[in-house]
Amino acid sequence: MTPKPFPVIAVTGSRLLRAELRTVEQQAGYEFEYADSVPQGRRYASRRPLIVIGSDLVARFRNRLACRGIVVVASVNPPDARVWVHAERVGATYVIVLPTASSWLVHHLLRDLP
């Protein structure tokens, strides 16, 4: 029997980003778990279908994340070059800016996640 996957986790200390992610949750009817530290964000990462890392904390992740789905780095402002470097290091598939990419994230949640 396959273990039940854990919910999507969003790792950020940014109140603005959390507010944008809560809007996405409401639109998709999907509930995220929130963490404001790297150790909390890594917890059960291999069983998460999606990990959203805020651009405010992505630099604190030192290694690639073992996620069963995808890793997304999210920001409320256009990311600078350093965010892209950190995103590549953690294995992020996408770097998005909210609220601009909200509909993309909602679509991904509805289409690809259990």
PDB file of N, CA and C in Angstrom:
ATOM      1  N   MET A   1       0.840  -1.179   0.000  1.00  0.00           N
ATOM      2  CA  MET A   1       0.000   0.000   0.000  1.00  0.00           C
ATOM      3  C   MET A   1       0.887   1.246   0.000  1.00  0.00           C
ATOM      4  N   THR A   2       0.617   2.155  -0.901  1.00  0.00           N
ATOM      5  CA  THR A   2       1.384   3.389  -1.015  1.00  0.00           C
ATOM      6  C   THR A   2       0.973   4.350   0.096  1.00  0.00           C
ATOM      7  N   PRO A   3       1.967   4.946   0.793  1.00  0.00           N
ATOM      8  CA  PRO A   3       1.605   5.895   1.845  1.00  0.00           C
ATOM      9  C   PRO A   3       0.915   7.121   1.264  1.00  0.00           C
ATOM     10  N   LYS A   4      -0.010   7.666   2.023  1.00  0.00           N
ATOM     11  CA  LYS A   4      -0.734   8.858   1.590  1.00  0.00           C
ATOM     12  C   LYS A   4       0.236  10.034   1.495  1.00  0.00           C
ATOM     13  N   PRO A   5       0.195  10.783   0.381  1.00  0.00           N
ATOM     14  CA  PRO A   5       1.100  11.927   0.267  1.00  0.00           C
ATOM     15  C   PRO A   5       0.721  13.031   1.246  1.00  0.00           C
ATOM     16  N   PHE A   6       1.702  13.765   1.633  1.00  0.00           N
ATOM     17  CA  PHE A   6       1.471  14.919   2.487  1.00  0.00           C
ATOM     18  C   PHE A   6       0.968  16.059   1.607  1.00  0.00           C
ATOM     19  N   PRO A   7       0.372  17.090   2.205  1.00  0.00           N
ATOM     20  CA  PRO A   7      -0.102  18.211   1.393  1.00  0.00           C
ATOM     21  C   PRO A   7       1.059  19.038   0.846  1.00  0.00           C
ATOM     22  N   VAL A   8       0.723  19.901  -0.081  1.00  0.00           N
ATOM     23  CA  VAL A   8       1.679  20.885  -0.586  1.00  0.00           C
ATOM     24  C   VAL A   8       2.195  21.675   0.607  1.00  0.00           C
ATOM     25  N   ILE A   9       3.489  21.978   0.583  1.00  0.00           N
ATOM     26  CA  ILE A   9       4.045  22.824   1.646  1.00  0.00           C
ATOM     27  C   ILE A   9       4.614  24.091   1.019  1.00  0.00           C
ATOM     28  N   ALA A  10       4.352  25.200   1.670  1.00  0.00           N
ATOM     29  CA  ALA A  10       4.911  26.488   1.261  1.00  0.00           C
ATOM     30  C   ALA A  10       5.872  26.931   2.355  1.00  0.00           C
ATOM     31  N   VAL A  11       7.121  27.157   1.965  1.00  0.00           N
ATOM     32  CA  VAL A  11       8.165  27.524   2.919  1.00  0.00           C
ATOM     33  C   VAL A  11       8.513  28.994   2.696  1.00  0.00           C
ATOM     34  N   THR A  12       7.992  29.846   3.558  1.00  0.00           N
ATOM     35  CA  THR A  12       8.236  31.278   3.419  1.00  0.00           C
ATOM     36  C   THR A  12       7.930  31.997   4.726  1.00  0.00           C
ATOM     37  N   GLY A  13       8.643  33.053   4.958  1.00  0.00           N
ATOM     38  CA  GLY A  13       8.362  33.914   6.093  1.00  0.00           C
ATOM     39  C   GLY A  13       7.672  35.197   5.657  1.00  0.00           C
ATOM     40  N   SER A  14       7.447  35.335   4.359  1.00  0.00           N
ATOM     41  CA  SER A  14       6.856  36.550   3.800  1.00  0.00           C
ATOM     42  C   SER A  14       5.336  36.559   3.974  1.00  0.00           C
ATOM     43  N   ARG A  15       4.844  37.559   4.677  1.00  0.00           N
ATOM     44  CA  ARG A  15       3.389  37.679   4.843  1.00  0.00           C
ATOM     45  C   ARG A  15       2.712  37.967   3.512  1.00  0.00           C
ATOM     46  N   LEU A  16       3.359  38.763   2.658  1.00  0.00           N
ATOM     47  CA  LEU A  16       2.776  39.072   1.349  1.00  0.00           C
ATOM     48  C   LEU A  16       2.650  37.818   0.492  1.00  0.00           C
ATOM     49  N   LEU A  17       3.700  37.004   0.475  1.00  0.00           N
ATOM     50  CA  LEU A  17       3.652  35.778  -0.319  1.00  0.00           C
ATOM     51  C   LEU A  17       2.622  34.808   0.251  1.00  0.00           C
ATOM     52  N   ARG A  18       2.556  34.686   1.558  1.00  0.00           N
ATOM     53  CA  ARG A  18       1.545  33.810   2.173  1.00  0.00           C
ATOM     54  C   ARG A  18       0.133  34.264   1.800  1.00  0.00           C
ATOM     55  N   ALA A  19      -0.100  35.560   1.783  1.00  0.00           N
ATOM     56  CA  ALA A  19      -1.420  36.077   1.402  1.00  0.00           C
ATOM     57  C   ALA A  19      -1.753  35.696  -0.037  1.00  0.00           C
ATOM     58  N   GLU A  20      -0.782  35.820  -0.929  1.00  0.00           N
ATOM     59  CA  GLU A  20      -1.007  35.435  -2.331  1.00  0.00           C
ATOM     60  C   GLU A  20      -1.265  33.932  -2.448  1.00  0.00           C
ATOM     61  N   LEU A  21      -0.516  33.139  -1.685  1.00  0.00           N
ATOM     62  CA  LEU A  21      -0.708  31.688  -1.728  1.00  0.00           C
ATOM     63  C   LEU A  21      -2.064  31.292  -1.148  1.00  0.00           C
ATOM     64  N   ARG A  22      -2.536  32.002  -0.161  1.00  0.00           N
ATOM     65  CA  ARG A  22      -3.870  31.708   0.397  1.00  0.00           C
ATOM     66  C   ARG A  22      -4.960  31.995  -0.640  1.00  0.00           C
ATOM     67  N   THR A  23      -4.758  33.011  -1.448  1.00  0.00           N
ATOM     68  CA  THR A  23      -5.697  33.281  -2.537  1.00  0.00           C
ATOM     69  C   THR A  23      -5.704  32.120  -3.520  1.00  0.00           C
ATOM     70  N   VAL A  24      -4.530  31.603  -3.842  1.00  0.00           N
ATOM     71  CA  VAL A  24      -4.428  30.437  -4.729  1.00  0.00           C
ATOM     72  C   VAL A  24      -5.150  29.245  -4.109  1.00  0.00           C
ATOM     73  N   GLU A  25      -4.944  29.027  -2.817  1.00  0.00           N
ATOM     74  CA  GLU A  25      -5.626  27.929  -2.119  1.00  0.00           C
ATOM     75  C   GLU A  25      -7.139  28.043  -2.277  1.00  0.00           C
ATOM     76  N   GLN A  26      -7.674  29.229  -2.058  1.00  0.00           N
ATOM     77  CA  GLN A  26      -9.117  29.434  -2.159  1.00  0.00           C
ATOM     78  C   GLN A  26      -9.614  29.171  -3.571  1.00  0.00           C
ATOM     79  N   GLN A  27      -8.878  29.644  -4.560  1.00  0.00           N
ATOM     80  CA  GLN A  27      -9.294  29.462  -5.948  1.00  0.00           C
ATOM     81  C   GLN A  27      -9.256  27.999  -6.365  1.00  0.00           C
ATOM     82  N   ALA A  28      -8.287  27.256  -5.834  1.00  0.00           N
ATOM     83  CA  ALA A  28      -8.128  25.852  -6.225  1.00  0.00           C
ATOM     84  C   ALA A  28      -8.875  24.897  -5.299  1.00  0.00           C
ATOM     85  N   GLY A  29      -9.318  25.393  -4.147  1.00  0.00           N
ATOM     86  CA  GLY A  29      -9.942  24.500  -3.174  1.00  0.00           C
ATOM     87  C   GLY A  29      -8.941  23.507  -2.621  1.00  0.00           C
ATOM     88  N   TYR A  30      -7.730  23.964  -2.447  1.00  0.00           N
ATOM     89  CA  TYR A  30      -6.618  23.109  -2.035  1.00  0.00           C
ATOM     90  C   TYR A  30      -5.956  23.740  -0.825  1.00  0.00           C
ATOM     91  N   GLU A  31      -5.641  22.954   0.194  1.00  0.00           N
ATOM     92  CA  GLU A  31      -5.051  23.501   1.413  1.00  0.00           C
ATOM     93  C   GLU A  31      -3.553  23.214   1.486  1.00  0.00           C
ATOM     94  N   PHE A  32      -2.764  24.256   1.715  1.00  0.00           N
ATOM     95  CA  PHE A  32      -1.319  24.122   1.865  1.00  0.00           C
ATOM     96  C   PHE A  32      -0.964  23.986   3.337  1.00  0.00           C
ATOM     97  N   GLU A  33       0.190  23.433   3.569  1.00  0.00           N
ATOM     98  CA  GLU A  33       0.808  23.491   4.886  1.00  0.00           C
ATOM     99  C   GLU A  33       1.866  24.588   4.777  1.00  0.00           C
ATOM    100  N   TYR A  34       2.096  25.330   5.851  1.00  0.00           N
ATOM    101  CA  TYR A  34       3.065  26.419   5.819  1.00  0.00           C
ATOM    102  C   TYR A  34       4.197  26.165   6.800  1.00  0.00           C
ATOM    103  N   ALA A  35       5.400  26.528   6.388  1.00  0.00           N
ATOM    104  CA  ALA A  35       6.586  26.429   7.241  1.00  0.00           C
ATOM    105  C   ALA A  35       7.366  27.721   7.078  1.00  0.00           C
ATOM    106  N   ASP A  36       8.018  28.138   8.152  1.00  0.00           N
ATOM    107  CA  ASP A  36       8.816  29.357   8.041  1.00  0.00           C
ATOM    108  C   ASP A  36      10.287  29.115   8.320  1.00  0.00           C
ATOM    109  N   SER A  37      10.718  27.845   8.169  1.00  0.00           N
ATOM    110  CA  SER A  37      12.141  27.527   8.326  1.00  0.00           C
ATOM    111  C   SER A  37      12.518  26.382   7.394  1.00  0.00           C
ATOM    112  N   VAL A  38      13.803  26.292   7.092  1.00  0.00           N
ATOM    113  CA  VAL A  38      14.303  25.230   6.214  1.00  0.00           C
ATOM    114  C   VAL A  38      14.056  23.838   6.803  1.00  0.00           C
ATOM    115  N   PRO A  39      14.372  23.600   8.084  1.00  0.00           N
ATOM    116  CA  PRO A  39      14.115  22.258   8.625  1.00  0.00           C
ATOM    117  C   PRO A  39      12.646  21.847   8.513  1.00  0.00           C
ATOM    118  N   GLN A  40      11.738  22.768   8.779  1.00  0.00           N
ATOM    119  CA  GLN A  40      10.318  22.451   8.631  1.00  0.00           C
ATOM    120  C   GLN A  40       9.979  22.175   7.170  1.00  0.00           C
ATOM    121  N   GLY A  41      10.579  22.921   6.265  1.00  0.00           N
ATOM    122  CA  GLY A  41      10.315  22.743   4.841  1.00  0.00           C
ATOM    123  C   GLY A  41      10.831  21.427   4.295  1.00  0.00           C
ATOM    124  N   ARG A  42      11.920  20.936   4.849  1.00  0.00           N
ATOM    125  CA  ARG A  42      12.488  19.661   4.398  1.00  0.00           C
ATOM    126  C   ARG A  42      11.737  18.454   4.957  1.00  0.00           C
ATOM    127  N   ARG A  43      10.973  18.677   6.021  1.00  0.00           N
ATOM    128  CA  ARG A  43      10.287  17.574   6.685  1.00  0.00           C
ATOM    129  C   ARG A  43       9.340  16.875   5.714  1.00  0.00           C
ATOM    130  N   TYR A  44       9.551  15.614   5.535  1.00  0.00           N
ATOM    131  CA  TYR A  44       8.730  14.770   4.652  1.00  0.00           C
ATOM    132  C   TYR A  44       8.715  15.269   3.203  1.00  0.00           C
ATOM    133  N   ALA A  45       9.747  15.975   2.784  1.00  0.00           N
ATOM    134  CA  ALA A  45       9.784  16.534   1.426  1.00  0.00           C
ATOM    135  C   ALA A  45       9.571  15.467   0.362  1.00  0.00           C
ATOM    136  N   SER A  46      10.093  14.278   0.572  1.00  0.00           N
ATOM    137  CA  SER A  46       9.977  13.233  -0.444  1.00  0.00           C
ATOM    138  C   SER A  46       8.540  12.760  -0.635  1.00  0.00           C
ATOM    139  N   ARG A  47       7.641  13.113   0.281  1.00  0.00           N
ATOM    140  CA  ARG A  47       6.242  12.705   0.152  1.00  0.00           C
ATOM    141  C   ARG A  47       5.330  13.860  -0.261  1.00  0.00           C
ATOM    142  N   ARG A  48       5.916  14.990  -0.587  1.00  0.00           N
ATOM    143  CA  ARG A  48       5.129  16.162  -0.989  1.00  0.00           C
ATOM    144  C   ARG A  48       4.937  16.168  -2.499  1.00  0.00           C
ATOM    145  N   PRO A  49       3.724  16.466  -2.977  1.00  0.00           N
ATOM    146  CA  PRO A  49       3.509  16.554  -4.420  1.00  0.00           C
ATOM    147  C   PRO A  49       4.027  17.867  -5.004  1.00  0.00           C
ATOM    148  N   LEU A  50       4.168  18.871  -4.145  1.00  0.00           N
ATOM    149  CA  LEU A  50       4.633  20.184  -4.578  1.00  0.00           C
ATOM    150  C   LEU A  50       5.213  20.906  -3.371  1.00  0.00           C
ATOM    151  N   ILE A  51       6.370  21.509  -3.574  1.00  0.00           N
ATOM    152  CA  ILE A  51       6.975  22.350  -2.545  1.00  0.00           C
ATOM    153  C   ILE A  51       7.141  23.738  -3.147  1.00  0.00           C
ATOM    154  N   VAL A  52       6.557  24.726  -2.489  1.00  0.00           N
ATOM    155  CA  VAL A  52       6.703  26.117  -2.905  1.00  0.00           C
ATOM    156  C   VAL A  52       7.665  26.771  -1.920  1.00  0.00           C
ATOM    157  N   ILE A  53       8.771  27.285  -2.428  1.00  0.00           N
ATOM    158  CA  ILE A  53       9.757  27.956  -1.582  1.00  0.00           C
ATOM    159  C   ILE A  53       9.719  29.444  -1.909  1.00  0.00           C
ATOM    160  N   GLY A  54       9.555  30.245  -0.889  1.00  0.00           N
ATOM    161  CA  GLY A  54       9.566  31.688  -1.094  1.00  0.00           C
ATOM    162  C   GLY A  54      10.954  32.179  -1.445  1.00  0.00           C
ATOM    163  N   SER A  55      11.005  33.200  -2.272  1.00  0.00           N
ATOM    164  CA  SER A  55      12.310  33.764  -2.642  1.00  0.00           C
ATOM    165  C   SER A  55      13.031  34.323  -1.420  1.00  0.00           C
ATOM    166  N   ASP A  56      12.289  34.586  -0.345  1.00  0.00           N
ATOM    167  CA  ASP A  56      12.895  35.091   0.886  1.00  0.00           C
ATOM    168  C   ASP A  56      13.710  34.033   1.620  1.00  0.00           C
ATOM    169  N   LEU A  57      13.427  32.742   1.382  1.00  0.00           N
ATOM    170  CA  LEU A  57      14.135  31.671   2.095  1.00  0.00           C
ATOM    171  C   LEU A  57      14.929  30.730   1.196  1.00  0.00           C
ATOM    172  N   VAL A  58      14.802  30.854  -0.110  1.00  0.00           N
ATOM    173  CA  VAL A  58      15.444  29.874  -0.995  1.00  0.00           C
ATOM    174  C   VAL A  58      16.962  29.837  -0.817  1.00  0.00           C
ATOM    175  N   ALA A  59      17.587  30.951  -0.483  1.00  0.00           N
ATOM    176  CA  ALA A  59      19.047  30.979  -0.304  1.00  0.00           C
ATOM    177  C   ALA A  59      19.491  30.145   0.889  1.00  0.00           C
ATOM    178  N   ARG A  60      18.594  29.885   1.826  1.00  0.00           N
ATOM    179  CA  ARG A  60      18.951  29.114   3.024  1.00  0.00           C
ATOM    180  C   ARG A  60      18.968  27.610   2.786  1.00  0.00           C
ATOM    181  N   PHE A  61      18.376  27.168   1.685  1.00  0.00           N
ATOM    182  CA  PHE A  61      18.431  25.747   1.335  1.00  0.00           C
ATOM    183  C   PHE A  61      19.783  25.481   0.692  1.00  0.00           C
ATOM    184  N   ARG A  62      20.537  24.551   1.236  1.00  0.00           N
ATOM    185  CA  ARG A  62      21.892  24.287   0.750  1.00  0.00           C
ATOM    186  C   ARG A  62      21.960  23.162  -0.280  1.00  0.00           C
ATOM    187  N   ASN A  63      20.977  22.272  -0.274  1.00  0.00           N
ATOM    188  CA  ASN A  63      21.017  21.107  -1.162  1.00  0.00           C
ATOM    189  C   ASN A  63      19.708  20.959  -1.920  1.00  0.00           C
ATOM    190  N   ARG A  64      19.779  20.146  -2.949  1.00  0.00           N
ATOM    191  CA  ARG A  64      18.616  19.805  -3.762  1.00  0.00           C
ATOM    192  C   ARG A  64      17.548  19.151  -2.881  1.00  0.00           C
ATOM    193  N   LEU A  65      16.299  19.455  -3.141  1.00  0.00           N
ATOM    194  CA  LEU A  65      15.198  18.850  -2.391  1.00  0.00           C
ATOM    195  C   LEU A  65      14.739  17.570  -3.070  1.00  0.00           C
ATOM    196  N   ALA A  66      14.506  16.552  -2.279  1.00  0.00           N
ATOM    197  CA  ALA A  66      13.959  15.294  -2.788  1.00  0.00           C
ATOM    198  C   ALA A  66      12.442  15.376  -2.650  1.00  0.00           C
ATOM    199  N   CYS A  67      11.789  15.795  -3.694  1.00  0.00           N
ATOM    200  CA  CYS A  67      10.335  15.977  -3.696  1.00  0.00           C
ATOM    201  C   CYS A  67       9.736  14.953  -4.650  1.00  0.00           C
ATOM    202  N   ARG A  68       8.592  14.373  -4.299  1.00  0.00           N
ATOM    203  CA  ARG A  68       7.995  13.382  -5.197  1.00  0.00           C
ATOM    204  C   ARG A  68       7.313  14.044  -6.391  1.00  0.00           C
ATOM    205  N   GLY A  69       7.160  15.354  -6.320  1.00  0.00           N
ATOM    206  CA  GLY A  69       6.547  16.110  -7.399  1.00  0.00           C
ATOM    207  C   GLY A  69       7.508  17.159  -7.915  1.00  0.00           C
ATOM    208  N   ILE A  70       7.087  18.431  -7.814  1.00  0.00           N
ATOM    209  CA  ILE A  70       7.948  19.510  -8.294  1.00  0.00           C
ATOM    210  C   ILE A  70       8.210  20.531  -7.192  1.00  0.00           C
ATOM    211  N   VAL A  71       9.281  21.268  -7.395  1.00  0.00           N
ATOM    212  CA  VAL A  71       9.660  22.360  -6.501  1.00  0.00           C
ATOM    213  C   VAL A  71       9.498  23.655  -7.295  1.00  0.00           C
ATOM    214  N   VAL A  72       8.819  24.626  -6.696  1.00  0.00           N
ATOM    215  CA  VAL A  72       8.587  25.928  -7.316  1.00  0.00           C
ATOM    216  C   VAL A  72       9.114  27.002  -6.372  1.00  0.00           C
ATOM    217  N   VAL A  73       9.847  27.957  -6.905  1.00  0.00           N
ATOM    218  CA  VAL A  73      10.254  29.124  -6.123  1.00  0.00           C
ATOM    219  C   VAL A  73       9.284  30.245  -6.487  1.00  0.00           C
ATOM    220  N   ALA A  74       8.716  30.885  -5.464  1.00  0.00           N
ATOM    221  CA  ALA A  74       7.717  31.933  -5.688  1.00  0.00           C
ATOM    222  C   ALA A  74       8.151  33.238  -5.044  1.00  0.00           C
ATOM    223  N   SER A  75       7.736  34.321  -5.680  1.00  0.00           N
ATOM    224  CA  SER A  75       8.071  35.660  -5.211  1.00  0.00           C
ATOM    225  C   SER A  75       6.894  36.583  -5.489  1.00  0.00           C
ATOM    226  N   VAL A  76       6.835  37.692  -4.785  1.00  0.00           N
ATOM    227  CA  VAL A  76       5.825  38.703  -5.094  1.00  0.00           C
ATOM    228  C   VAL A  76       6.417  39.831  -5.937  1.00  0.00           C
ATOM    229  N   ASN A  77       7.718  39.783  -6.154  1.00  0.00           N
ATOM    230  CA  ASN A  77       8.418  40.751  -7.004  1.00  0.00           C
ATOM    231  C   ASN A  77       9.248  39.986  -8.022  1.00  0.00           C
ATOM    232  N   PRO A  78       9.552  40.601  -9.158  1.00  0.00           N
ATOM    233  CA  PRO A  78      10.416  39.907 -10.110  1.00  0.00           C
ATOM    234  C   PRO A  78      11.724  39.494  -9.434  1.00  0.00           C
ATOM    235  N   PRO A  79      12.108  38.231  -9.575  1.00  0.00           N
ATOM    236  CA  PRO A  79      13.311  37.737  -8.888  1.00  0.00           C
ATOM    237  C   PRO A  79      14.591  38.261  -9.526  1.00  0.00           C
ATOM    238  N   ASP A  80      15.603  38.456  -8.682  1.00  0.00           N
ATOM    239  CA  ASP A  80      16.902  38.860  -9.212  1.00  0.00           C
ATOM    240  C   ASP A  80      17.705  37.607  -9.584  1.00  0.00           C
ATOM    241  N   ALA A  81      18.886  37.806 -10.123  1.00  0.00           N
ATOM    242  CA  ALA A  81      19.710  36.695 -10.621  1.00  0.00           C
ATOM    243  C   ALA A  81      20.054  35.690  -9.529  1.00  0.00           C
ATOM    244  N   ARG A  82      20.236  36.156  -8.300  1.00  0.00           N
ATOM    245  CA  ARG A  82      20.584  35.238  -7.205  1.00  0.00           C
ATOM    246  C   ARG A  82      19.473  34.228  -6.945  1.00  0.00           C
ATOM    247  N   VAL A  83      18.228  34.664  -7.044  1.00  0.00           N
ATOM    248  CA  VAL A  83      17.103  33.745  -6.824  1.00  0.00           C
ATOM    249  C   VAL A  83      17.149  32.613  -7.844  1.00  0.00           C
ATOM    250  N   TRP A  84      17.468  32.928  -9.091  1.00  0.00           N
ATOM    251  CA  TRP A  84      17.542  31.901 -10.134  1.00  0.00           C
ATOM    252  C   TRP A  84      18.655  30.897  -9.832  1.00  0.00           C
ATOM    253  N   VAL A  85      19.787  31.379  -9.341  1.00  0.00           N
ATOM    254  CA  VAL A  85      20.898  30.484  -8.979  1.00  0.00           C
ATOM    255  C   VAL A  85      20.475  29.555  -7.850  1.00  0.00           C
ATOM    256  N   HIS A  86      19.850  30.100  -6.823  1.00  0.00           N
ATOM    257  CA  HIS A  86      19.390  29.282  -5.695  1.00  0.00           C
ATOM    258  C   HIS A  86      18.300  28.308  -6.138  1.00  0.00           C
ATOM    259  N   ALA A  87      17.420  28.760  -7.012  1.00  0.00           N
ATOM    260  CA  ALA A  87      16.346  27.891  -7.505  1.00  0.00           C
ATOM    261  C   ALA A  87      16.924  26.682  -8.229  1.00  0.00           C
ATOM    262  N   GLU A  88      17.938  26.913  -9.032  1.00  0.00           N
ATOM    263  CA  GLU A  88      18.578  25.796  -9.737  1.00  0.00           C
ATOM    264  C   GLU A  88      19.228  24.836  -8.748  1.00  0.00           C
ATOM    265  N   ARG A  89      19.870  25.365  -7.726  1.00  0.00           N
ATOM    266  CA  ARG A  89      20.547  24.523  -6.739  1.00  0.00           C
ATOM    267  C   ARG A  89      19.573  23.604  -6.004  1.00  0.00           C
ATOM    268  N   VAL A  90      18.374  24.096  -5.665  1.00  0.00           N
ATOM    269  CA  VAL A  90      17.418  23.270  -4.925  1.00  0.00           C
ATOM    270  C   VAL A  90      16.603  22.358  -5.834  1.00  0.00           C
ATOM    271  N   GLY A  91      16.785  22.491  -7.146  1.00  0.00           N
ATOM    272  CA  GLY A  91      16.063  21.630  -8.080  1.00  0.00           C
ATOM    273  C   GLY A  91      14.691  22.149  -8.458  1.00  0.00           C
ATOM    274  N   ALA A  92      14.490  23.455  -8.364  1.00  0.00           N
ATOM    275  CA  ALA A  92      13.192  24.033  -8.722  1.00  0.00           C
ATOM    276  C   ALA A  92      12.936  23.888 -10.214  1.00  0.00           C
ATOM    277  N   THR A  93      11.726  23.489 -10.534  1.00  0.00           N
ATOM    278  CA  THR A  93      11.314  23.360 -11.924  1.00  0.00           C
ATOM    279  C   THR A  93      10.867  24.704 -12.485  1.00  0.00           C
ATOM    280  N   TYR A  94      10.286  25.530 -11.625  1.00  0.00           N
ATOM    281  CA  TYR A  94       9.761  26.829 -12.036  1.00  0.00           C
ATOM    282  C   TYR A  94      10.116  27.900 -11.014  1.00  0.00           C
ATOM    283  N   VAL A  95      10.220  29.140 -11.500  1.00  0.00           N
ATOM    284  CA  VAL A  95      10.295  30.329 -10.655  1.00  0.00           C
ATOM    285  C   VAL A  95       9.119  31.187 -11.099  1.00  0.00           C
ATOM    286  N   ILE A  96       8.229  31.520 -10.150  1.00  0.00           N
ATOM    287  CA  ILE A  96       7.015  32.252 -10.501  1.00  0.00           C
ATOM    288  C   ILE A  96       6.901  33.530  -9.676  1.00  0.00           C
ATOM    289  N   VAL A  97       6.138  34.478 -10.207  1.00  0.00           N
ATOM    290  CA  VAL A  97       5.841  35.723  -9.511  1.00  0.00           C
ATOM    291  C   VAL A  97       4.331  35.774  -9.297  1.00  0.00           C
ATOM    292  N   LEU A  98       3.943  35.937  -8.037  1.00  0.00           N
ATOM    293  CA  LEU A  98       2.522  36.042  -7.701  1.00  0.00           C
ATOM    294  C   LEU A  98       2.185  37.505  -7.434  1.00  0.00           C
ATOM    295  N   PRO A  99       1.038  37.988  -7.823  1.00  0.00           N
ATOM    296  CA  PRO A  99      -0.127  37.256  -8.284  1.00  0.00           C
ATOM    297  C   PRO A  99      -0.153  36.953  -9.779  1.00  0.00           C
ATOM    298  N   THR A 100       0.829  37.417 -10.534  1.00  0.00           N
ATOM    299  CA  THR A 100       0.826  37.212 -11.982  1.00  0.00           C
ATOM    300  C   THR A 100       0.643  35.749 -12.368  1.00  0.00           C
ATOM    301  N   ALA A 101       1.304  34.838 -11.668  1.00  0.00           N
ATOM    302  CA  ALA A 101       1.249  33.412 -12.012  1.00  0.00           C
ATOM    303  C   ALA A 101       0.215  32.636 -11.198  1.00  0.00           C
ATOM    304  N   SER A 102      -0.693  33.330 -10.540  1.00  0.00           N
ATOM    305  CA  SER A 102      -1.698  32.644  -9.717  1.00  0.00           C
ATOM    306  C   SER A 102      -2.526  31.655 -10.522  1.00  0.00           C
ATOM    307  N   SER A 103      -2.990  32.072 -11.693  1.00  0.00           N
ATOM    308  CA  SER A 103      -3.829  31.165 -12.490  1.00  0.00           C
ATOM    309  C   SER A 103      -3.036  29.946 -12.939  1.00  0.00           C
ATOM    310  N   TRP A 104      -1.754  30.116 -13.244  1.00  0.00           N
ATOM    311  CA  TRP A 104      -0.918  28.966 -13.606  1.00  0.00           C
ATOM    312  C   TRP A 104      -0.831  27.992 -12.438  1.00  0.00           C
ATOM    313  N   LEU A 105      -0.601  28.509 -11.229  1.00  0.00           N
ATOM    314  CA  LEU A 105      -0.470  27.648 -10.059  1.00  0.00           C
ATOM    315  C   LEU A 105      -1.793  26.954  -9.744  1.00  0.00           C
ATOM    316  N   VAL A 106      -2.903  27.663  -9.838  1.00  0.00           N
ATOM    317  CA  VAL A 106      -4.220  27.045  -9.627  1.00  0.00           C
ATOM    318  C   VAL A 106      -4.423  25.922 -10.634  1.00  0.00           C
ATOM    319  N   HIS A 107      -4.148  26.184 -11.892  1.00  0.00           N
ATOM    320  CA  HIS A 107      -4.300  25.173 -12.941  1.00  0.00           C
ATOM    321  C   HIS A 107      -3.436  23.950 -12.640  1.00  0.00           C
ATOM    322  N   HIS A 108      -2.206  24.174 -12.222  1.00  0.00           N
ATOM    323  CA  HIS A 108      -1.308  23.060 -11.897  1.00  0.00           C
ATOM    324  C   HIS A 108      -1.869  22.242 -10.739  1.00  0.00           C
ATOM    325  N   LEU A 109      -2.364  22.898  -9.716  1.00  0.00           N
ATOM    326  CA  LEU A 109      -2.931  22.190  -8.565  1.00  0.00           C
ATOM    327  C   LEU A 109      -4.133  21.347  -8.977  1.00  0.00           C
ATOM    328  N   LEU A 110      -5.011  21.918  -9.790  1.00  0.00           N
ATOM    329  CA  LEU A 110      -6.225  21.206 -10.188  1.00  0.00           C
ATOM    330  C   LEU A 110      -5.948  20.079 -11.172  1.00  0.00           C
ATOM    331  N   ARG A 111      -4.962  20.254 -12.018  1.00  0.00           N
ATOM    332  CA  ARG A 111      -4.681  19.274 -13.063  1.00  0.00           C
ATOM    333  C   ARG A 111      -3.766  18.152 -12.607  1.00  0.00           C
ATOM    334  N   ASP A 112      -2.742  18.475 -11.840  1.00  0.00           N
ATOM    335  CA  ASP A 112      -1.672  17.509 -11.612  1.00  0.00           C
ATOM    336  C   ASP A 112      -1.570  16.923 -10.217  1.00  0.00           C
ATOM    337  N   LEU A 113      -2.307  17.436  -9.262  1.00  0.00           N
ATOM    338  CA  LEU A 113      -2.143  16.942  -7.895  1.00  0.00           C
ATOM    339  C   LEU A 113      -3.336  16.109  -7.460  1.00  0.00           C
ATOM    340  N   PRO A 114      -3.068  15.159  -6.551  1.00  0.00           N
ATOM    341  CA  PRO A 114      -4.165  14.296  -6.087  1.00  0.00           C
ATOM    342  C   PRO A 114      -5.168  15.054  -5.238  1.00  0.00           C
TER     343      PRO A 114
END
